[in-house]
Full PDB file with SEQRES, HELIX, SHEET, SSBOND, CRYST1, ORIGX, SCALE, CONECT and MASTER records, all heavy atoms in Angstrom:
SEQRES   1 A   31  MET ALA GLU ARG GLN SER ARG LEU TYR PRO ARG LEU ARG          
SEQRES   2 A   31  ASP VAL PHE GLY GLU ALA ILE ASN ILE LEU GLU GLU GLU          
SEQRES   3 A   31  SER ASP LYS SER PRO                                          
HELIX    1 AA1 ALA A    2  GLU A    3  1                                   2    
HELIX    2 AA2 ARG A    4  LEU A    8  3                                   5    
HELIX    3 AA3 TYR A    9  ASP A   28  1                                  20    
CRYST1    1.000    1.000    1.000  90.00  90.00  90.00 P 1           1          
ORIGX1      1.000000  0.000000  0.000000        0.00000                         
ORIGX2      0.000000  1.000000  0.000000        0.00000                         
ORIGX3      0.000000  0.000000  1.000000        0.00000                         
SCALE1      1.000000  0.000000  0.000000        0.00000                         
SCALE2      0.000000  1.000000  0.000000        0.00000                         
SCALE3      0.000000  0.000000  1.000000        0.00000                         
ATOM      1  N   MET A   1      -8.241 -15.128  13.345  1.00  0.00           N  
ATOM      2  CA  MET A   1      -8.441 -14.994  11.884  1.00  0.00           C  
ATOM      3  C   MET A   1      -9.257 -13.763  11.697  1.00  0.00           C  
ATOM      4  O   MET A   1      -8.942 -12.923  10.754  1.00  0.00           O  
ATOM      5  CB  MET A   1      -9.085 -16.223  11.274  1.00  0.00           C  
ATOM      6  CG  MET A   1      -8.415 -17.503  11.304  1.00  0.00           C  
ATOM      7  SD  MET A   1      -9.345 -18.789  10.489  1.00  0.00           S  
ATOM      8  CE  MET A   1      -8.168 -20.154  10.647  1.00  0.00           C  
ATOM      9  N   ALA A   2     -10.210 -13.456  12.475  1.00  0.00           N  
ATOM     10  CA  ALA A   2     -11.042 -12.306  12.378  1.00  0.00           C  
ATOM     11  C   ALA A   2     -10.321 -10.850  12.521  1.00  0.00           C  
ATOM     12  O   ALA A   2     -10.582  -9.944  11.859  1.00  0.00           O  
ATOM     13  CB  ALA A   2     -12.159 -12.288  13.364  1.00  0.00           C  
ATOM     14  N   GLU A   3      -9.328 -11.047  13.431  1.00  0.00           N  
ATOM     15  CA  GLU A   3      -8.502  -9.844  13.591  1.00  0.00           C  
ATOM     16  C   GLU A   3      -7.677  -9.549  12.321  1.00  0.00           C  
ATOM     17  O   GLU A   3      -7.518  -8.289  11.908  1.00  0.00           O  
ATOM     18  CB  GLU A   3      -7.431 -10.147  14.684  1.00  0.00           C  
ATOM     19  CG  GLU A   3      -6.368  -9.069  14.984  1.00  0.00           C  
ATOM     20  CD  GLU A   3      -6.872  -7.755  15.589  1.00  0.00           C  
ATOM     21  OE1 GLU A   3      -8.148  -7.823  16.013  1.00  0.00           O  
ATOM     22  OE2 GLU A   3      -6.128  -6.771  15.661  1.00  0.00           O  
ATOM     23  N   ARG A   4      -7.150 -10.562  11.599  1.00  0.00           N  
ATOM     24  CA  ARG A   4      -6.593 -10.229  10.434  1.00  0.00           C  
ATOM     25  C   ARG A   4      -7.555  -9.771   9.343  1.00  0.00           C  
ATOM     26  O   ARG A   4      -7.208  -8.876   8.519  1.00  0.00           O  
ATOM     27  CB  ARG A   4      -5.862 -11.580   9.898  1.00  0.00           C  
ATOM     28  CG  ARG A   4      -4.716 -11.998  10.637  1.00  0.00           C  
ATOM     29  CD  ARG A   4      -4.143 -13.293  10.233  1.00  0.00           C  
ATOM     30  NE  ARG A   4      -2.906 -13.562  10.889  1.00  0.00           N  
ATOM     31  CZ  ARG A   4      -1.682 -13.364  10.500  1.00  0.00           C  
ATOM     32  NH1 ARG A   4      -1.588 -12.920   9.341  1.00  0.00           N  
ATOM     33  NH2 ARG A   4      -0.499 -13.503  11.208  1.00  0.00           N  
ATOM     34  N   GLN A   5      -8.712 -10.228   9.277  1.00  0.00           N  
ATOM     35  CA  GLN A   5      -9.674  -9.851   8.404  1.00  0.00           C  
ATOM     36  C   GLN A   5     -10.213  -8.371   8.654  1.00  0.00           C  
ATOM     37  O   GLN A   5     -10.239  -7.623   7.697  1.00  0.00           O  
ATOM     38  CB  GLN A   5     -10.977 -10.822   8.433  1.00  0.00           C  
ATOM     39  CG  GLN A   5     -11.953 -10.524   7.427  1.00  0.00           C  
ATOM     40  CD  GLN A   5     -13.136 -11.371   7.453  1.00  0.00           C  
ATOM     41  OE1 GLN A   5     -13.378 -12.039   8.443  1.00  0.00           O  
ATOM     42  NE2 GLN A   5     -13.884 -11.611   6.406  1.00  0.00           N  
ATOM     43  N   SER A   6     -10.309  -7.927   9.905  1.00  0.00           N  
ATOM     44  CA  SER A   6     -10.883  -6.657  10.133  1.00  0.00           C  
ATOM     45  C   SER A   6      -9.829  -5.722  10.271  1.00  0.00           C  
ATOM     46  O   SER A   6     -10.156  -4.420  10.018  1.00  0.00           O  
ATOM     47  CB  SER A   6     -11.700  -6.801  11.508  1.00  0.00           C  
ATOM     48  OG  SER A   6     -10.863  -7.009  12.519  1.00  0.00           O  
ATOM     49  N   ARG A   7      -8.501  -5.977  10.516  1.00  0.00           N  
ATOM     50  CA  ARG A   7      -7.574  -4.852  10.745  1.00  0.00           C  
ATOM     51  C   ARG A   7      -6.252  -5.090   9.902  1.00  0.00           C  
ATOM     52  O   ARG A   7      -5.863  -4.092   9.262  1.00  0.00           O  
ATOM     53  CB  ARG A   7      -7.054  -4.840  12.278  1.00  0.00           C  
ATOM     54  CG  ARG A   7      -8.324  -4.746  13.115  1.00  0.00           C  
ATOM     55  CD  ARG A   7      -8.020  -4.535  14.638  1.00  0.00           C  
ATOM     56  NE  ARG A   7      -7.573  -3.142  14.765  1.00  0.00           N  
ATOM     57  CZ  ARG A   7      -7.432  -2.621  15.994  1.00  0.00           C  
ATOM     58  NH1 ARG A   7      -7.794  -3.213  17.154  1.00  0.00           N  
ATOM     59  NH2 ARG A   7      -7.146  -1.299  16.183  1.00  0.00           N  
ATOM     60  N   LEU A   8      -5.693  -6.280   9.979  1.00  0.00           N  
ATOM     61  CA  LEU A   8      -4.345  -6.336   9.237  1.00  0.00           C  
ATOM     62  C   LEU A   8      -4.380  -6.178   7.790  1.00  0.00           C  
ATOM     63  O   LEU A   8      -3.726  -5.267   7.224  1.00  0.00           O  
ATOM     64  CB  LEU A   8      -3.683  -7.736   9.614  1.00  0.00           C  
ATOM     65  CG  LEU A   8      -2.415  -8.018   8.878  1.00  0.00           C  
ATOM     66  CD1 LEU A   8      -1.394  -6.944   9.273  1.00  0.00           C  
ATOM     67  CD2 LEU A   8      -1.913  -9.468   9.039  1.00  0.00           C  
ATOM     68  N   TYR A   9      -5.341  -6.829   7.157  1.00  0.00           N  
ATOM     69  CA  TYR A   9      -5.432  -6.825   5.667  1.00  0.00           C  
ATOM     70  C   TYR A   9      -5.934  -5.413   5.119  1.00  0.00           C  
ATOM     71  O   TYR A   9      -5.323  -4.874   4.203  1.00  0.00           O  
ATOM     72  CB  TYR A   9      -6.169  -7.973   5.071  1.00  0.00           C  
ATOM     73  CG  TYR A   9      -5.533  -9.311   5.290  1.00  0.00           C  
ATOM     74  CD1 TYR A   9      -6.272 -10.379   5.950  1.00  0.00           C  
ATOM     75  CD2 TYR A   9      -4.150  -9.548   4.901  1.00  0.00           C  
ATOM     76  CE1 TYR A   9      -5.504 -11.624   6.241  1.00  0.00           C  
ATOM     77  CE2 TYR A   9      -3.618 -10.784   5.219  1.00  0.00           C  
ATOM     78  CZ  TYR A   9      -4.280 -11.776   5.754  1.00  0.00           C  
ATOM     79  OH  TYR A   9      -3.581 -12.987   6.009  1.00  0.00           O  
ATOM     80  N   PRO A  10      -6.861  -4.811   5.834  1.00  0.00           N  
ATOM     81  CA  PRO A  10      -7.306  -3.435   5.322  1.00  0.00           C  
ATOM     82  C   PRO A  10      -6.068  -2.477   5.506  1.00  0.00           C  
ATOM     83  O   PRO A  10      -5.864  -1.624   4.763  1.00  0.00           O  
ATOM     84  CB  PRO A  10      -8.444  -3.129   6.344  1.00  0.00           C  
ATOM     85  CG  PRO A  10      -9.005  -4.521   6.650  1.00  0.00           C  
ATOM     86  CD  PRO A  10      -7.884  -5.439   6.870  1.00  0.00           C  
ATOM     87  N   ARG A  11      -5.316  -2.617   6.642  1.00  0.00           N  
ATOM     88  CA  ARG A  11      -4.276  -1.791   6.938  1.00  0.00           C  
ATOM     89  C   ARG A  11      -3.151  -1.977   5.894  1.00  0.00           C  
ATOM     90  O   ARG A  11      -2.538  -0.983   5.349  1.00  0.00           O  
ATOM     91  CB  ARG A  11      -3.744  -1.847   8.349  1.00  0.00           C  
ATOM     92  CG  ARG A  11      -2.850  -0.677   8.656  1.00  0.00           C  
ATOM     93  CD  ARG A  11      -3.328   0.625   8.635  1.00  0.00           C  
ATOM     94  NE  ARG A  11      -4.364   0.836   9.621  1.00  0.00           N  
ATOM     95  CZ  ARG A  11      -5.635   1.096   9.333  1.00  0.00           C  
ATOM     96  NH1 ARG A  11      -6.114   1.191   8.072  1.00  0.00           N  
ATOM     97  NH2 ARG A  11      -6.511   1.316  10.344  1.00  0.00           N  
ATOM     98  N   LEU A  12      -2.802  -3.186   5.504  1.00  0.00           N  
ATOM     99  CA  LEU A  12      -1.886  -3.457   4.456  1.00  0.00           C  
ATOM    100  C   LEU A  12      -2.222  -2.843   3.171  1.00  0.00           C  
ATOM    101  O   LEU A  12      -1.368  -2.307   2.430  1.00  0.00           O  
ATOM    102  CB  LEU A  12      -1.736  -4.994   4.319  1.00  0.00           C  
ATOM    103  CG  LEU A  12      -0.846  -5.744   5.231  1.00  0.00           C  
ATOM    104  CD1 LEU A  12      -1.035  -7.190   5.140  1.00  0.00           C  
ATOM    105  CD2 LEU A  12       0.546  -5.279   5.235  1.00  0.00           C  
ATOM    106  N   ARG A  13      -3.577  -3.001   2.844  1.00  0.00           N  
ATOM    107  CA  ARG A  13      -4.020  -2.292   1.603  1.00  0.00           C  
ATOM    108  C   ARG A  13      -3.814  -0.801   1.674  1.00  0.00           C  
ATOM    109  O   ARG A  13      -3.367  -0.224   0.605  1.00  0.00           O  
ATOM    110  CB  ARG A  13      -5.504  -2.725   1.403  1.00  0.00           C  
ATOM    111  CG  ARG A  13      -5.818  -4.068   1.183  1.00  0.00           C  
ATOM    112  CD  ARG A  13      -5.589  -4.630  -0.272  1.00  0.00           C  
ATOM    113  NE  ARG A  13      -6.604  -3.992  -1.113  1.00  0.00           N  
ATOM    114  CZ  ARG A  13      -6.507  -4.023  -2.442  1.00  0.00           C  
ATOM    115  NH1 ARG A  13      -5.665  -4.789  -2.980  1.00  0.00           N  
ATOM    116  NH2 ARG A  13      -7.317  -3.540  -3.152  1.00  0.00           N  
ATOM    117  N   ASP A  14      -4.180  -0.226   2.710  1.00  0.00           N  
ATOM    118  CA  ASP A  14      -4.093   1.162   2.806  1.00  0.00           C  
ATOM    119  C   ASP A  14      -2.680   1.739   2.779  1.00  0.00           C  
ATOM    120  O   ASP A  14      -2.228   2.485   1.962  1.00  0.00           O  
ATOM    121  CB  ASP A  14      -4.718   1.555   4.256  1.00  0.00           C  
ATOM    122  CG  ASP A  14      -4.661   3.098   4.510  1.00  0.00           C  
ATOM    123  OD1 ASP A  14      -4.487   3.948   3.540  1.00  0.00           O  
ATOM    124  OD2 ASP A  14      -4.715   3.441   5.826  1.00  0.00           O  
ATOM    125  N   VAL A  15      -1.874   1.313   3.731  1.00  0.00           N  
ATOM    126  CA  VAL A  15      -0.437   1.690   3.770  1.00  0.00           C  
ATOM    127  C   VAL A  15       0.458   1.462   2.617  1.00  0.00           C  
ATOM    128  O   VAL A  15       1.142   2.260   2.091  1.00  0.00           O  
ATOM    129  CB  VAL A  15       0.203   1.202   5.205  1.00  0.00           C  
ATOM    130  CG1 VAL A  15       1.720   1.644   5.292  1.00  0.00           C  
ATOM    131  CG2 VAL A  15      -0.537   1.725   6.263  1.00  0.00           C  
ATOM    132  N   PHE A  16       0.385   0.106   2.236  1.00  0.00           N  
ATOM    133  CA  PHE A  16       1.099  -0.208   1.108  1.00  0.00           C  
ATOM    134  C   PHE A  16       0.602   0.262  -0.200  1.00  0.00           C  
ATOM    135  O   PHE A  16       1.363   0.493  -1.102  1.00  0.00           O  
ATOM    136  CB  PHE A  16       1.252  -1.765   0.934  1.00  0.00           C  
ATOM    137  CG  PHE A  16       2.228  -2.450   2.091  1.00  0.00           C  
ATOM    138  CD1 PHE A  16       2.695  -1.497   3.101  1.00  0.00           C  
ATOM    139  CD2 PHE A  16       2.603  -3.641   1.994  1.00  0.00           C  
ATOM    140  CE1 PHE A  16       3.508  -2.121   4.106  1.00  0.00           C  
ATOM    141  CE2 PHE A  16       3.542  -4.222   3.048  1.00  0.00           C  
ATOM    142  CZ  PHE A  16       3.915  -3.454   4.091  1.00  0.00           C  
ATOM    143  N   GLY A  17      -0.621   0.521  -0.286  1.00  0.00           N  
ATOM    144  CA  GLY A  17      -1.263   1.145  -1.517  1.00  0.00           C  
ATOM    145  C   GLY A  17      -0.714   2.529  -1.686  1.00  0.00           C  
ATOM    146  O   GLY A  17      -0.402   2.913  -2.789  1.00  0.00           O  
ATOM    147  N   GLU A  18      -0.620   3.315  -0.599  1.00  0.00           N  
ATOM    148  CA  GLU A  18      -0.063   4.643  -0.766  1.00  0.00           C  
ATOM    149  C   GLU A  18       1.396   4.555  -1.133  1.00  0.00           C  
ATOM    150  O   GLU A  18       1.856   5.375  -1.902  1.00  0.00           O  
ATOM    151  CB  GLU A  18      -0.214   5.316   0.594  1.00  0.00           C  
ATOM    152  CG  GLU A  18       0.279   6.737   0.592  1.00  0.00           C  
ATOM    153  CD  GLU A  18       0.247   7.464   1.909  1.00  0.00           C  
ATOM    154  OE1 GLU A  18       0.299   6.799   3.049  1.00  0.00           O  
ATOM    155  OE2 GLU A  18       0.125   8.631   1.992  1.00  0.00           O  
ATOM    156  N   ALA A  19       2.107   3.642  -0.572  1.00  0.00           N  
ATOM    157  CA  ALA A  19       3.537   3.462  -0.857  1.00  0.00           C  
ATOM    158  C   ALA A  19       3.708   3.191  -2.278  1.00  0.00           C  
ATOM    159  O   ALA A  19       4.641   3.719  -3.071  1.00  0.00           O  
ATOM    160  CB  ALA A  19       4.211   2.431   0.015  1.00  0.00           C  
ATOM    161  N   ILE A  20       2.947   2.342  -2.904  1.00  0.00           N  
ATOM    162  CA  ILE A  20       3.076   1.918  -4.283  1.00  0.00           C  
ATOM    163  C   ILE A  20       2.677   3.211  -5.165  1.00  0.00           C  
ATOM    164  O   ILE A  20       3.547   3.393  -6.129  1.00  0.00           O  
ATOM    165  CB  ILE A  20       1.947   0.936  -4.668  1.00  0.00           C  
ATOM    166  CG1 ILE A  20       2.369  -0.443  -4.015  1.00  0.00           C  
ATOM    167  CG2 ILE A  20       1.827   0.747  -6.178  1.00  0.00           C  
ATOM    168  CD1 ILE A  20       1.286  -1.570  -3.996  1.00  0.00           C  
ATOM    169  N   ASN A  21       1.728   3.992  -4.942  1.00  0.00           N  
ATOM    170  CA  ASN A  21       1.540   5.167  -5.660  1.00  0.00           C  
ATOM    171  C   ASN A  21       2.657   6.202  -5.539  1.00  0.00           C  
ATOM    172  O   ASN A  21       3.004   6.742  -6.602  1.00  0.00           O  
ATOM    173  CB  ASN A  21       0.232   5.866  -5.090  1.00  0.00           C  
ATOM    174  CG  ASN A  21      -1.045   5.137  -5.377  1.00  0.00           C  
ATOM    175  OD1 ASN A  21      -1.126   4.297  -6.283  1.00  0.00           O  
ATOM    176  ND2 ASN A  21      -2.034   5.355  -4.543  1.00  0.00           N  
ATOM    177  N   ILE A  22       3.260   6.290  -4.507  1.00  0.00           N  
ATOM    178  CA  ILE A  22       4.454   7.096  -4.442  1.00  0.00           C  
ATOM    179  C   ILE A  22       5.623   6.629  -5.217  1.00  0.00           C  
ATOM    180  O   ILE A  22       6.238   7.334  -6.055  1.00  0.00           O  
ATOM    181  CB  ILE A  22       4.897   7.322  -3.016  1.00  0.00           C  
ATOM    182  CG1 ILE A  22       3.886   8.108  -2.102  1.00  0.00           C  
ATOM    183  CG2 ILE A  22       6.301   7.935  -2.712  1.00  0.00           C  
ATOM    184  CD1 ILE A  22       4.130   8.114  -0.588  1.00  0.00           C  
ATOM    185  N   LEU A  23       5.853   5.361  -5.103  1.00  0.00           N  
ATOM    186  CA  LEU A  23       7.013   4.790  -5.924  1.00  0.00           C  
ATOM    187  C   LEU A  23       6.768   4.977  -7.406  1.00  0.00           C  
ATOM    188  O   LEU A  23       7.676   5.277  -8.113  1.00  0.00           O  
ATOM    189  CB  LEU A  23       7.245   3.370  -5.562  1.00  0.00           C  
ATOM    190  CG  LEU A  23       7.831   3.126  -4.106  1.00  0.00           C  
ATOM    191  CD1 LEU A  23       7.695   1.620  -3.742  1.00  0.00           C  
ATOM    192  CD2 LEU A  23       9.282   3.532  -4.035  1.00  0.00           C  
ATOM    193  N   GLU A  24       5.570   4.687  -7.883  1.00  0.00           N  
ATOM    194  CA  GLU A  24       5.279   4.760  -9.152  1.00  0.00           C  
ATOM    195  C   GLU A  24       5.275   6.129  -9.754  1.00  0.00           C  
ATOM    196  O   GLU A  24       5.787   6.381 -10.853  1.00  0.00           O  
ATOM    197  CB  GLU A  24       3.838   4.220  -9.532  1.00  0.00           C  
ATOM    198  CG  GLU A  24       3.797   2.666  -9.345  1.00  0.00           C  
ATOM    199  CD  GLU A  24       2.502   2.014  -9.691  1.00  0.00           C  
ATOM    200  OE1 GLU A  24       1.420   2.817  -9.378  1.00  0.00           O  
ATOM    201  OE2 GLU A  24       2.361   0.886  -9.853  1.00  0.00           O  
ATOM    202  N   GLU A  25       4.706   7.130  -8.992  1.00  0.00           N  
ATOM    203  CA  GLU A  25       4.707   8.516  -9.482  1.00  0.00           C  
ATOM    204  C   GLU A  25       6.226   9.011  -9.521  1.00  0.00           C  
ATOM    205  O   GLU A  25       6.586   9.764 -10.556  1.00  0.00           O  
ATOM    206  CB  GLU A  25       3.963   9.341  -8.335  1.00  0.00           C  
ATOM    207  CG  GLU A  25       2.493   9.265  -8.533  1.00  0.00           C  
ATOM    208  CD  GLU A  25       1.887   9.951  -7.426  1.00  0.00           C  
ATOM    209  OE1 GLU A  25       2.490  10.751  -6.699  1.00  0.00           O  
ATOM    210  OE2 GLU A  25       0.659   9.704  -7.059  1.00  0.00           O  
ATOM    211  N   GLU A  26       7.056   8.724  -8.475  1.00  0.00           N  
ATOM    212  CA  GLU A  26       8.426   9.378  -8.574  1.00  0.00           C  
ATOM    213  C   GLU A  26       9.394   8.644  -9.609  1.00  0.00           C  
ATOM    214  O   GLU A  26      10.109   9.260 -10.261  1.00  0.00           O  
ATOM    215  CB  GLU A  26       8.931   9.299  -7.064  1.00  0.00           C  
ATOM    216  CG  GLU A  26       8.324  10.239  -6.192  1.00  0.00           C  
ATOM    217  CD  GLU A  26       8.385  11.571  -6.479  1.00  0.00           C  
ATOM    218  OE1 GLU A  26       9.453  12.048  -7.223  1.00  0.00           O  
ATOM    219  OE2 GLU A  26       7.549  12.327  -6.187  1.00  0.00           O  
ATOM    220  N   SER A  27       9.156   7.301  -9.716  1.00  0.00           N  
ATOM    221  CA  SER A  27      10.118   6.531 -10.612  1.00  0.00           C  
ATOM    222  C   SER A  27       9.766   6.758 -12.089  1.00  0.00           C  
ATOM    223  O   SER A  27      10.516   6.662 -12.931  1.00  0.00           O  
ATOM    224  CB  SER A  27       9.995   5.109 -10.251  1.00  0.00           C  
ATOM    225  OG  SER A  27       8.760   4.430 -10.500  1.00  0.00           O  
ATOM    226  N   ASP A  28       8.539   7.111 -12.346  1.00  0.00           N  
ATOM    227  CA  ASP A  28       7.988   7.497 -13.685  1.00  0.00           C  
ATOM    228  C   ASP A  28       8.897   8.561 -14.227  1.00  0.00           C  
ATOM    229  O   ASP A  28       8.949   8.868 -15.508  1.00  0.00           O  
ATOM    230  CB  ASP A  28       6.637   7.659 -13.695  1.00  0.00           C  
ATOM    231  CG  ASP A  28       5.817   6.376 -13.883  1.00  0.00           C  
ATOM    232  OD1 ASP A  28       6.444   5.298 -14.078  1.00  0.00           O  
ATOM    233  OD2 ASP A  28       4.563   6.434 -13.702  1.00  0.00           O  
ATOM    234  N   LYS A  29       9.403   9.432 -13.347  1.00  0.00           N  
ATOM    235  CA  LYS A  29      10.162  10.601 -13.808  1.00  0.00           C  
ATOM    236  C   LYS A  29      11.557  10.292 -14.143  1.00  0.00           C  
ATOM    237  O   LYS A  29      12.286  11.230 -14.629  1.00  0.00           O  
ATOM    238  CB  LYS A  29      10.092  11.722 -12.654  1.00  0.00           C  
ATOM    239  CG  LYS A  29       8.656  12.163 -12.263  1.00  0.00           C  
ATOM    240  CD  LYS A  29       8.730  12.981 -10.990  1.00  0.00           C  
ATOM    241  CE  LYS A  29       7.332  13.252 -10.450  1.00  0.00           C  
ATOM    242  NZ  LYS A  29       7.336  13.963  -9.207  1.00  0.00           N  
ATOM    243  N   SER A  30      11.998   9.137 -13.871  1.00  0.00           N  
ATOM    244  CA  SER A  30      13.546   8.850 -13.919  1.00  0.00           C  
ATOM    245  C   SER A  30      13.737   7.443 -14.421  1.00  0.00           C  
ATOM    246  O   SER A  30      13.396   6.484 -13.666  1.00  0.00           O  
ATOM    247  CB  SER A  30      14.254   9.141 -12.681  1.00  0.00           C  
ATOM    248  OG  SER A  30      15.496   8.692 -12.627  1.00  0.00           O  
ATOM    249  N   PRO A  31      14.471   7.095 -15.420  1.00  0.00           N  
ATOM    250  CA  PRO A  31      14.884   5.871 -15.794  1.00  0.00           C  
ATOM    251  C   PRO A  31      15.675   5.137 -14.720  1.00  0.00           C  
ATOM    252  O   PRO A  31      15.492   3.927 -14.408  1.00  0.00           O  
ATOM    253  CB  PRO A  31      15.726   5.964 -17.091  1.00  0.00           C  
ATOM    254  CG  PRO A  31      15.237   7.302 -17.742  1.00  0.00           C  
ATOM    255  CD  PRO A  31      14.897   8.179 -16.570  1.00  0.00           C  
TER     256      PRO A  31                                                      
MASTER        0    0    0    3    0    0    0    6  255    1    0    3          
END                                                                             
């Protein structure tokens, strides 16, 4: 459980957070 707390969930926040920003920025330019 501690491994998920210290590494998995922070990395999900980091990598997927960047992906979300990219998708939102690019898709806002096109219906």
